[in-house]
């Protein structure tokens, strides 16, 4: 029980950490911001695939059907930290930003013979940007500054079950059930520039949405072992159309210093308590194929090597997104999106715990590489913006007392750009995750006395 209390305490502090602004992207202006958070360390090594990772030593909370495949009696604590380095360029101008933040915290375990459980905290959407524009008025000009901040997080609990086991086939179903909370805001500040001198006095417009709502998603997995060397898995995750409850605030203010909220005088304020935001319904299909190999190590011994291939396709229906609050109705026109991923993982020694004495560290590491392409919901010059990137990663096991603990690293290089619009984002992602599992002290095991 003491371990569970510590988990709840860490969850409380991490919810405050995740609520901080942890993104810098002009694309987060739209909707509730950019969906998801910074990349997960394991997923980012395999082309940002999400649902195809099913491993007894890894906790995949993106596919709730995988919880029942975790190691029996060995819960996994997952903690991730991500850094994103971005360079935004438009014509001859460029801007650099970097963001570092906690990506997730979760605990997963399997129990009985058929069930798995997980709970934790993960980001749902993020907003963070700032840019300016000028409008000439006679000899003077108006300076407009646009900024956004905030994010929506999700506290979730998930359950999965193996509903069928027959002749090497295992069918599992699971669901994540969560509580969304947080807020996002868009701010516009206007100031007058007189003969080159910028005045601090001006007007401020603030529009914000606060979310308090239930949320769920459903996952399926089918694992088929063909023989000792070959196996494949099919996965699917569905996020159905849902209404996310919240309230909307809109205010206009004037201040002698637009950068000091304590100096604002309210000229207009409206709060709409009864409203909702439509989520982005989506479905994802994935395939994982595993081939076990025998590779020579010297002349006397062999390694139990394996290579796995991961691919997935996701379709999201952005046309159903809308903000609706009483008399305020905002229906934004977005493009439907798609995401295609492909990744390869190679493990020189799969049975590294039993062979830890005879293997080297580089035999136990999981080597990952991947590629992805995403058609984003936004467009410029009537062309949809494309996000393309390559990834690679490492999974380093911590072999202490037969523990399943590991340190995972993921690296991403990608770019976003439209068609002949002159704007481009080039970014690097560095993702670090720690999976902590008990060693020889297994949980949920009935003790017997000799």
Protein backbone atom coordinates (compact mmCIF):
# COMPACT_ATOMS: atom_id res chain seq x y z
CA UNK A 1 0.00 0.00 0.00
CA UNK A 2 2.86 2.38 0.73
CA UNK A 3 4.02 2.04 -2.90
CA UNK A 4 0.54 2.93 -4.14
CA UNK A 5 0.38 5.99 -1.84
CA UNK A 6 3.68 7.20 -3.27
CA UNK A 7 2.26 6.74 -6.77
CA UNK A 8 -0.79 8.87 -5.94
CA UNK A 9 1.45 11.55 -4.41
CA UNK A 10 3.67 11.63 -7.50
CA UNK A 11 0.55 11.82 -9.67
CA UNK A 12 -0.59 14.94 -7.79
CA UNK A 13 2.70 16.77 -8.25
CA UNK A 14 3.04 15.72 -11.89
CA UNK A 15 -0.44 17.05 -12.69
CA UNK A 16 0.84 20.49 -11.72
CA UNK A 17 3.98 20.02 -13.81
CA UNK A 18 2.05 18.92 -16.89
CA UNK A 19 -0.30 21.92 -16.55
CA UNK A 20 2.57 24.28 -17.35
CA UNK A 21 3.02 25.60 -20.87
CA UNK A 22 5.14 23.00 -22.69
CA UNK A 23 4.81 23.67 -26.40
CA UNK A 24 5.82 26.42 -28.78
CA UNK A 25 4.03 26.09 -32.10
CA UNK A 26 1.82 28.50 -34.07
CA UNK A 27 -0.31 25.50 -35.10
CA UNK A 28 -1.50 25.17 -31.49
CA UNK A 29 -3.64 28.29 -32.04
CA UNK A 30 -6.44 26.13 -33.45
CA UNK A 31 -9.07 24.18 -31.53
CA UNK A 32 -7.92 23.01 -28.12
CA UNK A 33 -4.30 23.13 -29.28
CA UNK A 34 -2.17 20.34 -30.66
CA UNK A 35 -3.52 16.96 -29.65
CA UNK A 36 -1.27 14.70 -27.62
CA UNK A 37 1.92 15.89 -26.00
CA UNK A 38 5.61 15.60 -26.63
CA UNK A 39 6.59 12.22 -28.04
CA UNK A 40 6.79 9.09 -25.90
CA UNK A 41 10.33 7.71 -25.62
CA UNK A 42 9.56 4.20 -26.91
CA UNK A 43 7.10 5.23 -29.60
CA UNK A 44 9.38 7.95 -30.95
CA UNK A 45 12.06 5.37 -31.70
CA UNK A 46 9.67 3.41 -33.93
CA UNK A 47 8.38 6.15 -36.20
CA UNK A 48 5.93 7.49 -33.59
CA UNK A 49 3.76 4.42 -33.82
CA UNK A 50 1.45 4.14 -30.83
CA UNK A 51 -0.75 1.05 -30.77
CA UNK A 52 1.57 -1.72 -32.10
CA UNK A 53 3.86 -2.04 -29.06
CA UNK A 54 2.86 -5.08 -27.00
CA UNK A 55 5.67 -6.26 -24.76
CA UNK A 56 5.67 -7.66 -21.23
CA UNK A 57 8.46 -5.22 -20.34
CA UNK A 58 6.81 -2.06 -21.75
CA UNK A 59 3.71 -0.13 -20.66
CA UNK A 60 1.75 1.10 -23.69
CA UNK A 61 -1.12 3.27 -22.42
CA UNK A 62 -1.96 4.32 -26.00
CA UNK A 63 -3.49 0.87 -26.55
CA UNK A 64 -5.47 -0.30 -23.50
CA UNK A 65 -5.79 -3.83 -24.91
CA UNK A 66 -2.09 -4.48 -24.16
CA UNK A 67 -2.24 -4.24 -20.35
CA UNK A 68 -3.02 -7.94 -19.87
CA UNK A 69 0.24 -8.86 -21.65
CA UNK A 70 2.44 -7.30 -18.97
CA UNK A 71 4.69 -9.55 -16.87
CA UNK A 72 2.75 -11.39 -14.19
CA UNK A 73 3.30 -10.00 -10.71
CA UNK A 74 5.68 -7.30 -11.96
CA UNK A 75 4.08 -3.84 -12.15
CA UNK A 76 5.75 -1.19 -14.30
CA UNK A 77 6.17 2.47 -13.32
CA UNK A 78 6.58 4.67 -16.40
CA UNK A 79 7.95 8.21 -16.36
CA UNK A 80 8.87 10.20 -19.47
CA UNK A 81 10.57 13.54 -20.14
CA UNK A 82 10.68 15.14 -23.58
CA UNK A 83 12.55 18.02 -25.18
CA UNK A 84 11.68 19.62 -28.49
CA UNK A 85 14.02 22.00 -30.32
CA UNK A 86 12.32 23.92 -33.14
CA UNK A 87 13.44 26.42 -35.74
CA UNK A 88 10.64 28.38 -37.43
CA UNK A 89 11.53 30.16 -40.66
CA UNK A 90 9.60 32.39 -43.04
CA UNK A 91 11.39 33.92 -46.00
CA UNK A 92 14.56 35.44 -44.50
CA UNK A 93 13.37 35.44 -40.88
CA UNK A 94 13.86 32.60 -38.41
CA UNK A 95 13.11 31.91 -34.77
CA UNK A 96 14.43 29.20 -32.43
CA UNK A 97 12.62 27.75 -29.41
CA UNK A 98 13.07 24.82 -27.06
CA UNK A 99 10.63 23.20 -24.65
CA UNK A 100 11.24 20.54 -22.00
CA UNK A 101 8.54 18.93 -19.93
CA UNK A 102 7.33 15.78 -18.22
CA UNK A 103 5.50 13.70 -20.80
CA UNK A 104 3.68 11.08 -18.72
CA UNK A 105 3.45 9.19 -15.48
CA UNK A 106 1.71 5.82 -15.30
CA UNK A 107 1.59 2.51 -13.45
CA UNK A 108 0.56 -0.76 -15.11
CA UNK A 109 0.23 -4.36 -13.97
CA UNK A 110 -1.40 -7.64 -14.89
CA UNK A 111 -3.28 -9.80 -12.40
CA UNK A 112 -5.11 -13.09 -12.30
CA UNK A 113 -4.60 -14.96 -15.58
CA UNK A 114 -6.57 -12.77 -17.92
CA UNK A 115 -6.59 -9.15 -16.76
CA UNK A 116 -4.39 -6.06 -16.88
CA UNK A 117 -4.71 -2.66 -15.24
CA UNK A 118 -3.08 0.75 -15.70
CA UNK A 119 -3.62 4.26 -14.42
CA UNK A 120 -1.75 7.53 -14.66
CA UNK A 121 -1.55 10.98 -16.15
CA UNK A 122 -0.88 11.98 -19.76
CA UNK A 123 -1.34 15.11 -21.90
CA UNK A 124 -4.40 15.38 -24.17
CA UNK A 125 -3.69 18.70 -25.92
CA UNK A 126 -1.23 21.59 -25.70
CA UNK A 127 -1.22 25.29 -26.65
CA UNK A 128 1.74 27.64 -26.75
CA UNK A 129 2.70 30.34 -29.27
CA UNK A 130 3.48 34.05 -29.63
CA UNK A 131 3.83 36.23 -32.73
CA UNK A 132 3.29 39.89 -33.71
CA UNK A 133 2.06 41.95 -36.65
CA UNK A 134 1.90 45.68 -37.49
CA UNK A 135 -0.76 47.75 -39.24
CA UNK A 136 0.20 51.18 -40.55
CA UNK A 137 -2.09 54.07 -39.47
CA UNK A 138 -0.95 57.37 -41.06
CA UNK A 139 2.54 58.02 -39.64
CA UNK A 140 2.01 55.67 -36.74
CA UNK A 141 1.21 51.98 -36.56
CA UNK A 142 -0.61 49.50 -34.37
CA UNK A 143 1.34 46.58 -32.92
CA UNK A 144 -0.70 43.43 -32.39
CA UNK A 145 0.75 40.61 -30.26
CA UNK A 146 -0.96 37.21 -30.36
CA UNK A 147 -0.19 34.54 -27.77
CA UNK A 148 -1.67 31.33 -26.44
CA UNK A 149 -1.00 29.05 -23.52
CA UNK A 150 -2.39 26.19 -21.48
CA UNK A 151 -3.27 22.58 -22.04
CA UNK A 152 -5.67 19.77 -21.33
CA UNK A 153 -4.47 16.76 -19.31
CA UNK A 154 -6.07 13.40 -18.67
CA UNK A 155 -6.08 11.31 -15.51
CA UNK A 156 -6.99 7.83 -16.69
CA UNK A 157 -7.54 4.27 -15.56
CA UNK A 158 -7.52 1.38 -18.01
CA UNK A 159 -8.52 -2.26 -17.90
CA UNK A 160 -7.94 -5.08 -20.38
CA UNK A 161 -8.78 -8.76 -20.59
CA UNK A 162 -7.74 -11.74 -22.66
CA UNK A 163 -11.11 -12.91 -23.96
CA UNK A 164 -9.83 -15.78 -26.12
CA UNK A 165 -6.85 -18.11 -26.13
CA UNK A 166 -6.82 -20.86 -28.75
CA UNK A 167 -4.01 -22.62 -30.65
CA UNK A 168 -1.43 -19.86 -30.31
CA UNK A 169 -3.94 -17.04 -30.75
CA UNK A 170 -4.76 -14.49 -28.06
CA UNK A 171 -7.53 -11.92 -28.45
CA UNK A 172 -7.66 -9.02 -25.97
CA UNK A 173 -9.94 -6.07 -25.46
CA UNK A 174 -9.46 -3.04 -23.24
CA UNK A 175 -10.52 0.50 -22.54
CA UNK A 176 -9.12 3.70 -21.05
CA UNK A 177 -11.52 5.82 -19.02
CA UNK A 178 -10.30 9.26 -18.03
CA UNK A 179 -11.10 12.69 -16.68
CA UNK A 180 -10.03 15.64 -18.84
CA UNK A 181 -9.14 18.87 -17.07
CA UNK A 182 -7.31 22.10 -17.82
CA UNK A 183 -7.74 25.25 -19.85
CA UNK A 184 -6.43 26.90 -22.99
CA UNK A 185 -6.49 30.60 -23.87
CA UNK A 186 -5.83 32.93 -26.79
CA UNK A 187 -4.72 36.51 -26.04
CA UNK A 188 -4.47 39.51 -28.37
CA UNK A 189 -2.74 42.72 -27.23
CA UNK A 190 -2.83 45.96 -29.24
CA UNK A 191 -0.50 48.92 -28.70
CA UNK A 192 0.19 52.14 -30.57
CA UNK A 193 3.63 52.90 -31.98
CA UNK A 194 4.10 56.66 -32.36
CA UNK A 195 7.12 57.79 -34.39
CA UNK A 196 9.07 54.69 -33.43
CA UNK A 197 8.13 54.76 -29.72
CA UNK A 198 6.05 51.82 -28.51
CA UNK A 199 3.38 52.68 -25.92
CA UNK A 200 2.62 50.14 -23.19
CA UNK A 201 -1.00 51.30 -22.91
CA UNK A 202 -3.53 49.47 -25.05
CA UNK A 203 -6.28 46.92 -25.27
CA UNK A 204 -6.30 43.23 -24.47
CA UNK A 205 -8.67 40.50 -25.64
CA UNK A 206 -8.63 37.13 -23.83
CA UNK A 207 -10.66 34.10 -24.88
CA UNK A 208 -10.36 30.90 -22.88
CA UNK A 209 -11.93 27.46 -22.66
CA UNK A 210 -11.86 25.38 -19.47
CA UNK A 211 -12.51 21.65 -19.68
CA UNK A 212 -13.92 19.29 -17.08
CA UNK A 213 -15.18 16.11 -18.70
CA UNK A 214 -15.13 12.33 -18.98
CA UNK A 215 -13.33 10.68 -21.89
CA UNK A 216 -12.81 7.12 -23.13
CA UNK A 217 -11.20 5.03 -25.87
CA UNK A 218 -11.33 1.34 -26.78
CA UNK A 219 -8.53 -0.98 -27.90
CA UNK A 220 -8.37 -4.43 -29.49
CA UNK A 221 -5.46 -6.79 -30.13
CA UNK A 222 -5.06 -10.13 -31.88
CA UNK A 223 -1.78 -12.00 -31.41
CA UNK A 224 -1.08 -15.10 -33.49
CA UNK A 225 1.95 -17.31 -32.93
CA UNK A 226 2.61 -19.19 -36.17
CA UNK A 227 5.58 -21.24 -34.93
CA UNK A 228 8.67 -20.81 -32.79
CA UNK A 229 10.17 -18.26 -35.18
CA UNK A 230 7.22 -16.35 -36.58
CA UNK A 231 4.33 -14.43 -35.03
CA UNK A 232 2.22 -11.43 -35.92
CA UNK A 233 -0.24 -9.12 -34.18
CA UNK A 234 -3.13 -6.94 -35.35
CA UNK A 235 -4.24 -3.92 -33.33
CA UNK A 236 -7.00 -1.35 -33.40
CA UNK A 237 -7.82 1.65 -31.21
CA UNK A 238 -11.00 3.68 -31.57
CA UNK A 239 -11.74 7.06 -30.00
CA UNK A 240 -15.48 7.54 -30.64
CA UNK A 241 -17.18 10.90 -31.12
CA UNK A 242 -17.72 12.51 -27.70
CA UNK A 243 -18.88 15.81 -26.24
CA UNK A 244 -16.27 17.33 -23.92
CA UNK A 245 -17.92 19.52 -21.30
CA UNK A 246 -16.49 22.88 -20.30
CA UNK A 247 -17.13 26.61 -20.12
CA UNK A 248 -16.06 29.59 -22.16
CA UNK A 249 -14.85 33.03 -21.05
CA UNK A 250 -14.32 36.09 -23.19
CA UNK A 251 -13.09 39.46 -21.94
CA UNK A 252 -11.96 42.84 -23.26
CA UNK A 253 -9.65 44.96 -21.12
CA UNK A 254 -7.75 48.24 -21.20
CA UNK A 255 -4.56 48.93 -19.31
CA UNK A 256 -1.72 51.42 -19.06
CA UNK A 257 0.56 48.38 -19.32
CA UNK A 258 -0.80 45.52 -21.42
CA UNK A 259 1.86 43.21 -19.95
CA UNK A 260 0.57 43.64 -16.39
CA UNK A 261 -2.81 41.94 -15.76
CA UNK A 262 -3.10 43.72 -12.40
CA UNK A 263 -3.36 47.01 -14.32
CA UNK A 264 -6.34 45.95 -16.47
CA UNK A 265 -9.74 47.66 -16.44
CA UNK A 266 -12.56 45.42 -17.65
CA UNK A 267 -14.66 46.84 -20.49
CA UNK A 268 -16.52 43.62 -21.35
CA UNK A 269 -16.74 40.12 -19.85
CA UNK A 270 -18.91 37.11 -20.60
CA UNK A 271 -18.87 33.60 -19.18
CA UNK A 272 -20.82 30.70 -20.67
CA UNK A 273 -21.14 27.83 -18.22
CA UNK A 274 -23.20 25.41 -20.29
CA UNK A 275 -21.31 24.25 -23.35
CA UNK A 276 -19.18 21.57 -24.91
CA UNK A 277 -16.40 20.92 -27.36
CA UNK A 278 -16.48 18.04 -29.80
CA UNK A 279 -13.48 15.76 -29.69
CA UNK A 280 -11.74 14.53 -32.84
CA UNK A 281 -13.07 10.99 -33.43
CA UNK A 282 -10.38 8.69 -34.79
CA UNK A 283 -9.51 5.10 -35.53
CA UNK A 284 -6.09 3.48 -35.79
CA UNK A 285 -5.05 0.14 -37.30
CA UNK A 286 -1.67 -1.45 -36.70
CA UNK A 287 0.39 -4.52 -37.56
CA UNK A 288 3.39 -6.03 -35.78
CA UNK A 289 5.40 -8.93 -37.22
CA UNK A 290 8.14 -10.65 -35.18
CA UNK A 291 10.86 -12.89 -36.63
CA UNK A 292 13.16 -14.74 -34.23
CA UNK A 293 16.69 -15.34 -35.46
CA UNK A 294 19.74 -17.35 -34.52
CA UNK A 295 22.96 -15.41 -34.94
CA UNK A 296 26.41 -16.70 -34.08
CA UNK A 297 28.39 -15.17 -31.26
CA UNK A 298 31.90 -16.42 -31.68
CA UNK A 299 32.15 -20.17 -32.27
CA UNK A 300 30.66 -21.65 -29.12
CA UNK A 301 27.44 -19.78 -28.36
CA UNK A 302 24.41 -18.37 -30.07
CA UNK A 303 22.21 -15.36 -29.37
CA UNK A 304 18.41 -15.49 -29.21
CA UNK A 305 17.91 -12.56 -31.58
CA UNK A 306 14.65 -11.11 -32.90
CA UNK A 307 13.56 -8.42 -35.31
CA UNK A 308 10.09 -6.86 -35.34
CA UNK A 309 8.32 -4.65 -37.87
CA UNK A 310 5.70 -2.08 -36.83
CA UNK A 311 3.32 -0.20 -39.08
CA UNK A 312 0.13 1.73 -38.40
CA UNK A 313 -2.39 4.00 -40.07
CA UNK A 314 -4.62 6.53 -38.31
CA UNK A 315 -7.58 8.50 -39.66
CA UNK A 316 -9.06 11.45 -37.69
CA UNK A 317 -12.33 13.18 -38.56
CA UNK A 318 -11.59 16.86 -37.89
CA UNK A 319 -14.69 17.93 -39.81
CA UNK A 320 -16.76 17.06 -36.73
CA UNK A 321 -14.87 19.44 -34.44
CA UNK A 322 -16.83 22.37 -33.01
CA UNK A 323 -16.97 24.64 -29.97
CA UNK A 324 -20.51 25.25 -28.80
CA UNK A 325 -21.46 27.36 -25.77
CA UNK A 326 -25.06 28.60 -25.46
CA UNK A 327 -25.33 31.51 -27.92
CA UNK A 328 -21.64 31.28 -28.83
CA UNK A 329 -21.01 28.83 -31.65
CA UNK A 330 -17.60 28.38 -33.24
CA UNK A 331 -17.38 25.90 -36.10
CA UNK A 332 -13.90 25.80 -37.60
CA UNK A 333 -13.28 24.20 -40.96
CA UNK A 334 -10.40 21.74 -40.78
CA UNK A 335 -9.16 19.01 -43.05
CA UNK A 336 -9.47 15.38 -42.03
CA UNK A 337 -6.07 14.01 -41.10
CA UNK A 338 -4.11 10.81 -41.58
CA UNK A 339 -0.96 9.43 -39.98
CA UNK A 340 1.22 6.65 -41.39
CA UNK A 341 4.10 5.12 -39.43
CA UNK A 342 6.70 2.42 -39.95
CA UNK A 343 9.36 1.18 -37.52
CA UNK A 344 11.85 -1.66 -37.02
CA UNK A 345 13.21 -2.98 -33.73
CA UNK A 346 16.18 -5.35 -33.42
CA UNK A 347 17.11 -7.18 -30.22
CA UNK A 348 20.40 -9.19 -30.31
CA UNK A 349 19.46 -11.17 -27.16
CA UNK A 350 15.81 -11.50 -26.15
CA UNK A 351 16.48 -13.76 -23.16
CA UNK A 352 18.96 -11.36 -21.61
CA UNK A 353 17.91 -12.01 -18.00
CA UNK A 354 18.73 -15.73 -18.15
CA UNK A 355 21.91 -15.03 -20.15
CA UNK A 356 23.07 -11.87 -18.38
CA UNK A 357 26.34 -13.50 -17.34
CA UNK A 358 27.35 -14.52 -20.86
CA UNK A 359 26.12 -11.44 -22.78
CA UNK A 360 27.46 -7.93 -23.12
CA UNK A 361 25.45 -4.74 -22.68
CA UNK A 362 25.20 -4.11 -26.43
CA UNK A 363 23.61 -7.56 -26.83
CA UNK A 364 20.74 -6.60 -24.50
CA UNK A 365 19.93 -3.19 -26.00
CA UNK A 366 16.85 -2.83 -28.20
CA UNK A 367 17.71 -0.88 -31.35
CA UNK A 368 14.85 1.07 -32.98
CA UNK A 369 14.44 3.08 -36.17
CA UNK A 370 11.40 4.48 -37.96
CA UNK A 371 9.71 7.01 -40.20
CA UNK A 372 6.32 8.77 -40.20
CA UNK A 373 4.17 11.14 -42.23
CA UNK A 374 1.20 13.12 -40.92
CA UNK A 375 -1.29 15.20 -42.90
CA UNK A 376 -2.21 17.95 -40.43
CA UNK A 377 -5.70 19.51 -40.28
CA UNK A 378 -4.42 22.95 -41.36
CA UNK A 379 -3.76 24.22 -44.86
CA UNK A 380 -1.97 27.07 -46.64
CA UNK A 381 -2.55 28.09 -50.27
CA UNK A 382 -5.24 25.40 -50.41
CA UNK A 383 -2.63 22.72 -49.62
CA UNK A 384 -2.66 20.60 -46.49
CA UNK A 385 0.38 20.96 -44.22
CA UNK A 386 2.51 17.81 -43.98
CA UNK A 387 4.62 16.69 -41.01
CA UNK A 388 7.37 14.26 -42.01
CA UNK A 389 10.06 12.80 -39.77
CA UNK A 390 12.59 10.06 -39.11
CA UNK A 391 13.32 8.52 -35.73
CA UNK A 392 15.66 6.17 -33.92
CA UNK A 393 15.91 4.96 -30.34
CA UNK A 394 17.46 2.64 -27.80
CA UNK A 395 15.98 0.49 -25.04
CA UNK A 396 18.57 -0.25 -22.37
CA UNK A 397 17.53 -2.91 -19.81
CA UNK A 398 18.63 -2.58 -16.20
CA UNK A 399 19.40 -6.18 -15.26
CA UNK A 400 19.32 -6.10 -11.46
CA UNK A 401 17.69 -8.95 -9.49
CA UNK A 402 15.87 -10.14 -12.64
CA UNK A 403 14.09 -6.80 -12.89
CA UNK A 404 12.24 -5.65 -16.04
CA UNK A 405 13.40 -2.06 -15.51
CA UNK A 406 14.81 -0.15 -18.48
CA UNK A 407 15.93 3.23 -19.74
CA UNK A 408 14.54 4.21 -23.13
CA UNK A 409 15.81 6.93 -25.46
CA UNK A 410 14.04 8.27 -28.53
CA UNK A 411 15.28 10.82 -31.07
CA UNK A 412 13.24 12.52 -33.78
CA UNK A 413 14.12 14.75 -36.70
CA UNK A 414 11.22 16.24 -38.62
CA UNK A 415 9.80 19.18 -40.50
CA UNK A 416 6.42 20.78 -41.14
CA UNK A 417 5.65 22.89 -44.14
CA UNK A 418 2.89 23.82 -46.54
CA UNK A 419 2.92 24.34 -50.28
CA UNK A 420 4.82 27.46 -51.45
CA UNK A 421 3.86 29.51 -48.39
CA UNK A 422 7.41 30.29 -47.22
CA UNK A 423 6.74 29.07 -43.66
CA UNK A 424 8.55 26.04 -42.31
CA UNK A 425 9.21 24.37 -38.97
CA UNK A 426 12.22 22.12 -38.53
CA UNK A 427 12.47 20.31 -35.22
CA UNK A 428 14.44 17.81 -33.16
CA UNK A 429 12.95 15.70 -30.39
CA UNK A 430 14.85 14.14 -27.51
CA UNK A 431 12.78 11.78 -25.37
CA UNK A 432 13.92 9.99 -22.23
CA UNK A 433 11.84 7.47 -20.33
CA UNK A 434 12.37 5.30 -17.28
CA UNK A 435 10.48 2.08 -16.64
CA UNK A 436 10.86 0.81 -13.10
CA UNK A 437 9.82 -2.72 -12.13
CA UNK A 438 10.41 -4.73 -8.95
CA UNK A 439 13.13 -7.32 -9.10
CA UNK A 440 12.82 -10.70 -7.47
CA UNK A 441 10.09 -9.33 -5.14
CA UNK A 442 7.02 -10.00 -7.28
CA UNK A 443 3.63 -8.48 -6.41
CA UNK A 444 0.26 -10.27 -6.39
CA UNK A 445 1.87 -13.68 -5.92
CA UNK A 446 0.40 -16.06 -3.36
CA UNK A 447 3.16 -17.12 -1.00
CA UNK A 448 3.57 -20.76 0.00
CA UNK A 449 5.35 -22.21 3.00
CA UNK A 450 7.40 -25.35 2.56
